[in-house]
């Protein structure tokens, strides 16, 4: 039996996946949409009584395959979703290698559109694309401004392994996760799910059964661990990218580590809670206000136990508060334990300086992250 071009494409994609780290974006050798064209044919019988089927029908028309043409014939593919009459959201790492005019979108009805990049934010790994005219059936999905409940059922929509208009189901396994970004700063407040996430899912929506976007799919670590950028962070970043072309992240300028029992005993804490300041960036807002630990002096260094009256038990809580509740120019009150005594200090946040690190591929395992610098 002969092999069609489409069959050859599927085999190439599946062979390539075997050597690809399990991050959401999938690198390929050309900008063509080399995927199985089975989005509409797999939508099922209208008589099927399933909440997953209903959500799929209501949302899949707004989910796109993002294909990218890069320099020297390189490129990649990922996913994205429509948020209004002109704009599509995806990951920065999906489109960062695109040349001018090198982003094409395919909708689930097989229609294609050329997209332009409005703006990108490598720190949150988000990007906004513009499309001049959406096809029929592609309407904006709603990005909610709340944290999902652990155990809540969720769906991942997108193009895993380049197979378009796919759906996987799971639950929210955790919230307030800290993920690596390719530019050295961590991405806070992320969502963990056991819904299947594979190369090609990057930039697609993580949705509730009501079809609301809870997060933007970011990466997968293995068969039962996937991650999405929080809708709460996306709702801060995306409007700014559309209106201003950039988003200014708040910057405190410290390195921290969790307080373990040995540290708690050394600094005079009754329980192991808070974060120990291990580094203060020169000329940063915290410079001269917070005191870092000195390795040769056990018990030295400030332990941050609260910010603006909100308890800080770990670095995830500190990062999430800074990312979701503050902006450059805000003055925050930090409650610290210093030399065994609790006191309050004030720090005025600044705009995060441009990273001096090159944009590197996102590690396949989100546990491989650089030191935190809120």
Protein backbone atom coordinates (compact mmCIF):
# COMPACT_ATOMS: atom_id res chain seq x y z
CA UNK A 1 0.00 0.00 0.00
CA UNK A 2 1.32 3.46 -0.87
CA UNK A 3 2.16 6.04 1.79
CA UNK A 4 0.56 9.46 1.42
CA UNK A 5 2.47 12.67 2.17
CA UNK A 6 0.27 13.10 5.25
CA UNK A 7 1.21 9.64 6.51
CA UNK A 8 4.88 10.33 5.95
CA UNK A 9 4.52 13.58 7.88
CA UNK A 10 2.96 11.84 10.86
CA UNK A 11 5.75 9.30 10.93
CA UNK A 12 8.38 12.05 10.83
CA UNK A 13 6.68 13.93 13.67
CA UNK A 14 6.35 10.82 15.85
CA UNK A 15 9.97 9.81 15.21
CA UNK A 16 11.11 13.32 16.10
CA UNK A 17 9.20 13.27 19.36
CA UNK A 18 11.28 10.37 20.63
CA UNK A 19 14.30 12.65 20.75
CA UNK A 20 12.49 15.75 21.99
CA UNK A 21 12.43 16.92 25.61
CA UNK A 22 8.92 17.06 27.01
CA UNK A 23 8.38 20.77 26.80
CA UNK A 24 5.28 22.23 25.25
CA UNK A 25 6.90 23.72 22.11
CA UNK A 26 8.01 21.37 19.34
CA UNK A 27 10.91 22.36 17.09
CA UNK A 28 10.67 21.27 13.46
CA UNK A 29 12.73 21.78 10.36
CA UNK A 30 10.29 23.88 8.37
CA UNK A 31 7.41 26.27 8.85
CA UNK A 32 4.83 24.07 7.17
CA UNK A 33 1.97 22.68 9.27
CA UNK A 34 3.29 19.15 9.15
CA UNK A 35 0.55 17.55 11.20
CA UNK A 36 -2.33 15.14 10.82
CA UNK A 37 -5.33 17.07 9.52
CA UNK A 38 -7.94 15.40 11.68
CA UNK A 39 -9.26 18.24 13.81
CA UNK A 40 -12.83 18.33 12.57
CA UNK A 41 -13.19 14.65 11.81
CA UNK A 42 -12.54 13.77 15.46
CA UNK A 43 -15.20 15.98 17.02
CA UNK A 44 -17.60 13.10 17.52
CA UNK A 45 -21.29 12.46 17.40
CA UNK A 46 -23.61 15.28 18.47
CA UNK A 47 -25.54 12.74 20.51
CA UNK A 48 -22.62 11.98 22.86
CA UNK A 49 -23.55 13.04 26.40
CA UNK A 50 -20.20 14.14 27.83
CA UNK A 51 -19.17 17.41 29.50
CA UNK A 52 -15.78 17.06 27.82
CA UNK A 53 -17.39 16.85 24.39
CA UNK A 54 -19.54 19.90 25.10
CA UNK A 55 -16.57 21.95 26.27
CA UNK A 56 -14.53 20.82 23.27
CA UNK A 57 -17.23 21.89 20.80
CA UNK A 58 -17.61 25.27 22.51
CA UNK A 59 -13.90 26.09 22.57
CA UNK A 60 -11.95 24.25 19.88
CA UNK A 61 -12.86 26.75 17.15
CA UNK A 62 -10.83 29.33 19.07
CA UNK A 63 -7.71 27.16 19.44
CA UNK A 64 -5.02 27.40 16.77
CA UNK A 65 -1.96 25.59 15.53
CA UNK A 66 0.95 28.06 15.49
CA UNK A 67 3.64 27.38 12.91
CA UNK A 68 6.83 29.43 12.80
CA UNK A 69 9.35 30.02 10.06
CA UNK A 70 12.79 30.78 11.44
CA UNK A 71 16.22 31.62 10.01
CA UNK A 72 17.84 29.19 7.58
CA UNK A 73 14.69 27.12 7.18
CA UNK A 74 14.32 26.39 10.90
CA UNK A 75 11.17 26.98 12.87
CA UNK A 76 8.71 25.23 15.09
CA UNK A 77 5.12 24.75 16.04
CA UNK A 78 2.94 25.13 19.08
CA UNK A 79 -0.56 26.14 20.06
CA UNK A 80 -2.46 29.32 20.81
CA UNK A 81 -5.97 30.61 21.42
CA UNK A 82 -8.12 33.58 20.46
CA UNK A 83 -8.88 36.18 23.16
CA UNK A 84 -10.75 38.83 21.16
CA UNK A 85 -11.56 39.89 17.59
CA UNK A 86 -7.92 40.41 16.63
CA UNK A 87 -5.60 38.79 19.14
CA UNK A 88 -4.21 35.33 19.81
CA UNK A 89 -2.16 34.31 22.85
CA UNK A 90 0.70 31.80 22.78
CA UNK A 91 4.08 31.26 24.48
CA UNK A 92 7.07 33.45 23.81
CA UNK A 93 9.24 30.38 23.31
CA UNK A 94 6.93 29.22 20.50
CA UNK A 95 7.45 32.36 18.41
CA UNK A 96 10.79 33.77 19.59
CA UNK A 97 12.66 32.42 16.54
CA UNK A 98 10.14 33.73 14.00
CA UNK A 99 11.31 35.87 11.14
CA UNK A 100 9.17 38.74 9.83
CA UNK A 101 5.97 37.34 8.39
CA UNK A 102 6.94 33.89 9.61
CA UNK A 103 3.96 33.04 11.84
CA UNK A 104 1.02 31.15 10.36
CA UNK A 105 -2.07 30.00 12.22
CA UNK A 106 -4.31 27.10 11.33
CA UNK A 107 -7.78 26.94 12.85
CA UNK A 108 -9.74 23.76 13.54
CA UNK A 109 -11.86 24.32 10.41
CA UNK A 110 -8.61 24.02 8.39
CA UNK A 111 -8.50 27.74 7.51
CA UNK A 112 -5.14 29.53 7.63
CA UNK A 113 -4.27 33.06 8.69
CA UNK A 114 -0.98 34.97 8.73
CA UNK A 115 -0.26 36.54 12.11
CA UNK A 116 2.01 39.36 13.21
CA UNK A 117 3.69 39.49 16.61
CA UNK A 118 2.26 42.32 18.72
CA UNK A 119 4.62 41.89 21.67
CA UNK A 120 6.32 39.23 23.76
CA UNK A 121 7.37 38.88 27.39
CA UNK A 122 10.12 36.31 27.99
CA UNK A 123 9.82 36.64 31.78
CA UNK A 124 6.29 35.21 31.79
CA UNK A 125 6.83 33.32 28.51
CA UNK A 126 3.76 34.94 26.98
CA UNK A 127 3.26 36.41 23.49
CA UNK A 128 0.39 38.15 21.72
CA UNK A 129 -0.24 37.79 17.99
CA UNK A 130 -2.53 39.85 15.74
CA UNK A 131 -4.80 38.43 13.05
CA UNK A 132 -6.62 40.79 10.70
CA UNK A 133 -9.69 38.61 10.14
CA UNK A 134 -10.71 35.57 12.14
CA UNK A 135 -12.59 32.71 10.48
CA UNK A 136 -16.19 32.01 11.43
CA UNK A 137 -16.53 30.21 14.74
CA UNK A 138 -13.35 31.64 16.26
CA UNK A 139 -14.38 33.84 19.17
CA UNK A 140 -12.45 35.06 22.17
CA UNK A 141 -12.06 32.72 25.13
CA UNK A 142 -12.46 34.22 28.60
CA UNK A 143 -9.35 34.27 30.81
CA UNK A 144 -10.59 34.09 34.41
CA UNK A 145 -8.97 36.09 37.20
CA UNK A 146 -8.98 33.50 39.96
CA UNK A 147 -6.94 30.59 41.18
CA UNK A 148 -8.37 27.17 40.30
CA UNK A 149 -9.18 24.68 43.03
CA UNK A 150 -6.86 21.72 43.55
CA UNK A 151 -8.72 18.65 42.31
CA UNK A 152 -10.79 20.66 39.80
CA UNK A 153 -11.27 18.95 36.43
CA UNK A 154 -9.49 20.67 33.56
CA UNK A 155 -8.88 20.15 29.85
CA UNK A 156 -5.80 20.88 27.74
CA UNK A 157 -6.55 21.92 24.16
CA UNK A 158 -3.97 22.19 21.43
CA UNK A 159 -1.72 20.33 19.04
CA UNK A 160 0.40 17.70 20.82
CA UNK A 161 3.02 16.16 18.56
CA UNK A 162 1.62 18.35 15.78
CA UNK A 163 -1.75 16.52 15.83
CA UNK A 164 -4.23 19.35 15.54
CA UNK A 165 -7.38 20.06 17.56
CA UNK A 166 -6.63 17.59 20.34
CA UNK A 167 -7.96 17.41 23.89
CA UNK A 168 -6.68 15.78 27.07
CA UNK A 169 -8.35 15.64 30.46
CA UNK A 170 -7.12 15.77 34.05
CA UNK A 171 -7.30 17.69 37.28
CA UNK A 172 -5.47 20.59 38.88
CA UNK A 173 -2.69 18.85 40.79
CA UNK A 174 -1.19 21.93 42.41
CA UNK A 175 -0.97 25.72 42.34
CA UNK A 176 1.69 28.33 43.10
CA UNK A 177 4.40 26.30 41.41
CA UNK A 178 7.63 28.05 40.42
CA UNK A 179 8.82 27.37 36.88
CA UNK A 180 12.04 28.22 35.06
CA UNK A 181 12.10 30.89 32.41
CA UNK A 182 14.72 30.94 29.64
CA UNK A 183 16.04 34.32 30.81
CA UNK A 184 17.01 33.48 34.38
CA UNK A 185 14.02 34.72 36.38
CA UNK A 186 11.44 32.23 37.63
CA UNK A 187 7.77 32.22 36.58
CA UNK A 188 5.59 32.20 39.72
CA UNK A 189 2.01 31.17 40.48
CA UNK A 190 1.98 28.38 37.88
CA UNK A 191 -0.60 25.59 37.76
CA UNK A 192 0.29 21.90 37.82
CA UNK A 193 -1.99 19.38 36.12
CA UNK A 194 -2.00 15.67 35.37
CA UNK A 195 -3.67 16.29 32.00
CA UNK A 196 -1.36 15.08 29.26
CA UNK A 197 0.97 17.81 27.94
CA UNK A 198 3.29 17.01 25.03
CA UNK A 199 5.52 18.91 22.60
CA UNK A 200 3.21 21.07 20.49
CA UNK A 201 0.82 21.91 23.37
CA UNK A 202 2.77 25.03 24.35
CA UNK A 203 0.65 28.17 24.25
CA UNK A 204 -2.68 26.37 24.22
CA UNK A 205 -5.34 26.93 26.87
CA UNK A 206 -5.91 25.01 30.08
CA UNK A 207 -9.66 25.33 30.48
CA UNK A 208 -12.35 24.48 33.00
CA UNK A 209 -15.38 22.41 32.01
CA UNK A 210 -17.17 25.75 31.59
CA UNK A 211 -14.68 26.66 28.85
CA UNK A 212 -12.93 29.38 30.86
CA UNK A 213 -9.17 29.72 30.47
CA UNK A 214 -7.40 28.93 33.76
CA UNK A 215 -3.89 29.06 32.34
CA UNK A 216 -1.63 29.07 29.30
CA UNK A 217 0.07 25.70 28.81
CA UNK A 218 3.81 25.99 29.33
CA UNK A 219 5.54 22.62 29.61
CA UNK A 220 5.33 18.99 30.63
CA UNK A 221 7.76 17.08 32.83
CA UNK A 222 6.53 13.53 32.31
CA UNK A 223 3.34 11.61 31.51
CA UNK A 224 1.37 12.93 34.49
CA UNK A 225 2.88 16.35 35.17
CA UNK A 226 2.12 19.38 33.06
CA UNK A 227 2.32 23.09 33.84
CA UNK A 228 0.44 26.20 32.79
CA UNK A 229 1.11 29.89 33.33
CA UNK A 230 -1.53 31.19 35.71
CA UNK A 231 -4.48 33.10 34.27
CA UNK A 232 -3.95 35.64 37.05
CA UNK A 233 -0.46 36.43 35.74
CA UNK A 234 -1.68 36.32 32.13
CA UNK A 235 -4.39 38.87 32.94
CA UNK A 236 -1.72 41.31 34.11
CA UNK A 237 0.73 40.75 31.28
CA UNK A 238 -1.46 40.36 28.17
CA UNK A 239 -3.34 43.71 28.32
CA UNK A 240 -0.04 45.54 28.80
CA UNK A 241 1.51 43.77 25.81
CA UNK A 242 -1.44 44.82 23.65
CA UNK A 243 -1.63 48.41 24.90
CA UNK A 244 2.03 49.25 25.60
CA UNK A 245 4.06 46.60 23.79
CA UNK A 246 5.77 45.59 27.03
CA UNK A 247 5.09 44.59 30.62
CA UNK A 248 7.09 45.90 33.57
CA UNK A 249 7.70 43.29 36.25
CA UNK A 250 8.33 44.42 39.83
CA UNK A 251 11.86 43.89 41.13
CA UNK A 252 12.97 43.49 44.75
CA UNK A 253 16.48 42.26 44.04
CA UNK A 254 17.14 39.40 46.44
CA UNK A 255 18.02 35.74 46.31
CA UNK A 256 16.18 33.58 48.84
CA UNK A 257 15.96 30.00 50.02
CA UNK A 258 13.39 28.15 52.16
CA UNK A 259 13.88 28.09 55.91
CA UNK A 260 14.57 24.53 57.07
CA UNK A 261 14.64 23.47 60.76
CA UNK A 262 18.40 24.08 61.14
CA UNK A 263 18.06 27.64 59.82
CA UNK A 264 14.98 28.28 61.96
CA UNK A 265 16.89 27.25 65.10
CA UNK A 266 19.91 29.37 64.17
CA UNK A 267 17.89 32.57 63.60
CA UNK A 268 15.57 32.09 66.56
CA UNK A 269 12.34 31.03 64.85
CA UNK A 270 9.93 28.72 66.67
CA UNK A 271 9.05 26.92 63.43
CA UNK A 272 10.60 26.47 59.99
CA UNK A 273 8.76 29.09 57.98
CA UNK A 274 9.61 32.05 55.78
CA UNK A 275 12.53 32.55 53.39
CA UNK A 276 16.14 33.36 54.20
CA UNK A 277 17.74 36.20 52.25
CA UNK A 278 20.91 34.70 50.77
CA UNK A 279 21.83 37.50 48.37
CA UNK A 280 21.05 41.16 47.82
CA UNK A 281 21.66 42.46 44.30
CA UNK A 282 23.89 45.56 44.32
CA UNK A 283 21.95 48.80 43.69
CA UNK A 284 18.65 46.90 43.76
CA UNK A 285 15.71 48.16 45.86
CA UNK A 286 16.62 45.77 48.69
CA UNK A 287 20.24 46.92 48.78
CA UNK A 288 20.89 48.63 52.12
CA UNK A 289 17.48 47.55 53.46
CA UNK A 290 17.72 43.77 53.73
CA UNK A 291 20.68 41.87 55.12
CA UNK A 292 21.87 38.69 53.39
CA UNK A 293 23.14 35.66 55.24
CA UNK A 294 26.89 35.33 55.69
CA UNK A 295 28.01 31.70 55.27
CA UNK A 296 30.59 32.00 58.05
CA UNK A 297 28.05 33.43 60.51
CA UNK A 298 25.31 30.92 61.42
CA UNK A 299 22.07 32.70 62.18
CA UNK A 300 22.92 35.76 60.11
CA UNK A 301 20.69 37.15 57.40
CA UNK A 302 17.10 38.37 57.34
CA UNK A 303 14.25 35.89 57.24
CA UNK A 304 11.20 37.32 55.44
CA UNK A 305 8.09 36.02 57.22
CA UNK A 306 5.43 38.40 55.81
CA UNK A 307 4.84 40.96 53.07
CA UNK A 308 2.20 43.67 53.52
CA UNK A 309 0.80 41.63 56.37
CA UNK A 310 0.48 38.45 54.27
CA UNK A 311 2.31 35.48 55.76
CA UNK A 312 5.23 34.17 53.70
CA UNK A 313 5.83 30.48 54.34
CA UNK A 314 7.98 29.74 51.29
CA UNK A 315 9.51 31.36 48.22
CA UNK A 316 6.49 30.49 46.04
CA UNK A 317 4.26 32.69 48.19
CA UNK A 318 6.71 35.58 48.09
CA UNK A 319 7.12 35.32 44.32
CA UNK A 320 3.38 35.04 43.73
CA UNK A 321 2.59 38.07 45.89
CA UNK A 322 5.18 40.21 44.14
CA UNK A 323 4.04 39.08 40.69
CA UNK A 324 0.28 39.30 41.24
CA UNK A 325 -0.20 42.05 43.82
CA UNK A 326 2.52 44.62 43.18
CA UNK A 327 3.91 46.86 40.45
CA UNK A 328 7.10 48.89 39.99
CA UNK A 329 6.94 51.98 42.19
CA UNK A 330 4.92 50.29 44.94
CA UNK A 331 6.30 50.35 48.46
CA UNK A 332 5.93 47.05 50.29
CA UNK A 333 6.29 46.37 54.00
CA UNK A 334 8.40 43.31 54.79
CA UNK A 335 8.28 41.64 58.20
CA UNK A 336 11.68 40.13 58.87
CA UNK A 337 13.41 38.28 61.65
CA UNK A 338 16.85 39.82 62.17
CA UNK A 339 19.24 38.76 64.92
CA UNK A 340 16.41 36.94 66.65
CA UNK A 341 14.09 39.95 66.69
CA UNK A 342 11.09 40.66 64.46
CA UNK A 343 10.91 44.05 62.77
CA UNK A 344 9.37 45.74 59.74
CA UNK A 345 11.19 47.38 56.85
CA UNK A 346 9.91 49.14 53.73
CA UNK A 347 11.19 48.64 50.19
CA UNK A 348 10.11 50.54 47.08
CA UNK A 349 10.05 48.18 44.12
CA UNK A 350 11.60 49.03 40.78
CA UNK A 351 11.20 47.71 37.25
CA UNK A 352 12.99 44.43 36.69
CA UNK A 353 16.21 45.12 34.78
CA UNK A 354 16.70 43.52 31.42
CA UNK A 355 18.21 40.09 31.80
CA UNK A 356 21.81 39.75 30.72
CA UNK A 357 21.29 36.05 30.06
CA UNK A 358 20.65 34.80 26.53
CA UNK A 359 17.28 33.20 25.89
CA UNK A 360 17.93 29.51 26.26
CA UNK A 361 15.69 26.50 25.73
CA UNK A 362 13.37 25.81 28.62
CA UNK A 363 14.58 22.80 30.62
CA UNK A 364 12.53 19.68 30.05
CA UNK A 365 12.16 19.22 33.79
CA UNK A 366 10.75 22.31 35.51
CA UNK A 367 12.63 21.39 38.70
CA UNK A 368 15.82 22.49 36.93
CA UNK A 369 15.45 26.17 37.64
CA UNK A 370 17.91 28.99 38.24
CA UNK A 371 18.21 30.70 41.63
CA UNK A 372 15.22 32.86 42.48
CA UNK A 373 15.60 36.63 42.19
CA UNK A 374 12.22 38.22 43.02
